[in-house]
Structure formats: C-alpha cells, structure tokens
Amino acid sequence: MKISILIPVALVAISLVGCVVAPVRPAYVTQPVYVAPPGVAYVGPTYAIPGPGYVWAYHAHYGWGWHHPQYGWHRGWK
C-alpha cells in the first residue's frame, strides 16, 4: 500500500530534476546614457539599431552613428 503511494511521488520528483529556473530579471533595462562632447549638437538616430549591443555615439569625423564596443562603428567607420 505504501509503495503504491510512493511510486507516483517518485516519478514526479524524477521528472522535475531536470527543470531549469531562469533568474528573475528586472522589469526594465536601462541603456547607457551618452553625453555629446562640448560644442556638438545632438542628432537622434535616423535609422534602426543594427543589432544588440550598439549605442548611438558621436564619431569625430563622420558625426553621429551606431557604435559597438566589440565590432566598432556600423557601416565600417574607422
């Protein structure tokens, strides 16, 4: 009698062993704030962000554009 009760409980416990619970993320994610250099007028993005990790930043020669810390400037700016 006791074994018949333990079998379903054991099956449920075994089935839950592989469950992975994702950590709780904050309700909002803040983007880094970029401040324009002195004497430079801010110009908002003119096209959509090219991918995750890009930030809208100022380039000394080309002006405003998307920059990624690993891949560099979008559209190949140097």
Protein backbone atom coordinates (compact mmCIF):
# COMPACT_ATOMS: atom_id res chain seq x y z
CA MET A 1 0.00 0.00 0.00
CA LYS A 2 2.73 2.47 0.93
CA ILE A 3 4.73 1.55 -2.18
CA SER A 4 1.80 2.38 -4.46
CA ILE A 5 1.72 5.90 -2.98
CA LEU A 6 5.47 6.41 -3.25
CA ILE A 7 5.76 5.41 -6.91
CA PRO A 8 3.79 8.42 -8.30
CA VAL A 9 5.59 10.76 -5.92
CA ALA A 10 8.96 9.38 -7.03
CA LEU A 11 8.02 9.73 -10.72
CA VAL A 12 7.02 13.37 -10.23
CA ALA A 13 10.23 14.08 -8.33
CA ILE A 14 12.35 12.44 -11.04
CA SER A 15 10.58 14.36 -13.80
CA LEU A 16 11.29 17.70 -12.07
CA VAL A 17 15.01 17.06 -11.55
CA GLY A 18 15.98 18.47 -14.96
CA CYS A 19 13.94 21.69 -14.69
CA VAL A 20 15.91 24.89 -15.01
CA VAL A 21 14.62 28.08 -13.48
CA ALA A 22 15.75 31.31 -15.12
CA PRO A 23 16.88 34.08 -12.79
CA VAL A 24 14.50 36.95 -12.23
CA ARG A 25 15.27 39.92 -14.49
CA PRO A 26 14.43 43.49 -13.61
CA ALA A 27 11.24 44.88 -15.11
CA TYR A 28 13.25 47.46 -17.06
CA VAL A 29 16.74 47.53 -18.51
CA THR A 30 18.46 50.89 -18.69
CA GLN A 31 20.61 51.77 -21.67
CA PRO A 32 23.88 53.60 -21.12
CA VAL A 33 23.50 57.35 -21.36
CA TYR A 34 25.76 59.05 -23.87
CA VAL A 35 26.59 62.72 -23.50
CA ALA A 36 27.63 64.71 -26.55
CA PRO A 37 31.08 66.33 -26.45
CA PRO A 38 31.18 70.09 -25.78
CA GLY A 39 30.19 72.14 -28.82
CA VAL A 40 28.49 69.23 -30.63
CA ALA A 41 24.75 69.27 -31.26
CA TYR A 42 22.97 66.02 -30.53
CA VAL A 43 21.29 64.37 -33.53
CA GLY A 44 18.93 61.47 -32.90
CA PRO A 45 19.18 58.15 -34.73
CA THR A 46 18.00 58.28 -38.34
CA TYR A 47 17.68 54.51 -38.78
CA ALA A 48 17.01 51.48 -36.59
CA ILE A 49 19.65 49.96 -34.35
CA PRO A 50 21.67 47.44 -36.40
CA GLY A 51 21.89 44.84 -33.64
CA PRO A 52 22.12 44.21 -29.91
CA GLY A 53 24.92 45.99 -28.09
CA TYR A 54 25.11 49.05 -30.36
CA VAL A 55 24.84 52.53 -28.84
CA TRP A 56 24.24 55.86 -30.56
CA ALA A 57 27.52 57.78 -30.23
CA TYR A 58 29.48 60.62 -31.81
CA HIS A 59 32.32 59.99 -34.29
CA ALA A 60 34.83 62.85 -34.64
CA HIS A 61 34.95 62.67 -38.45
CA TYR A 62 31.56 61.25 -39.54
CA GLY A 63 29.26 62.63 -36.84
CA TRP A 64 26.59 60.56 -35.13
CA GLY A 65 26.26 56.83 -35.71
CA TRP A 66 25.90 53.38 -34.15
CA HIS A 67 28.93 52.02 -32.27
CA HIS A 68 29.50 48.56 -30.81
CA PRO A 69 32.26 48.02 -28.20
CA GLN A 70 33.46 44.81 -29.93
CA TYR A 71 32.60 45.31 -33.61
CA GLY A 72 33.28 49.04 -33.88
CA TRP A 73 31.29 51.50 -35.96
CA HIS A 74 28.38 50.40 -38.10
CA ARG A 75 28.95 50.92 -41.83
CA GLY A 76 32.71 50.46 -41.40
CA TRP A 77 33.76 53.82 -40.00
CA LYS A 78 37.28 53.85 -38.59
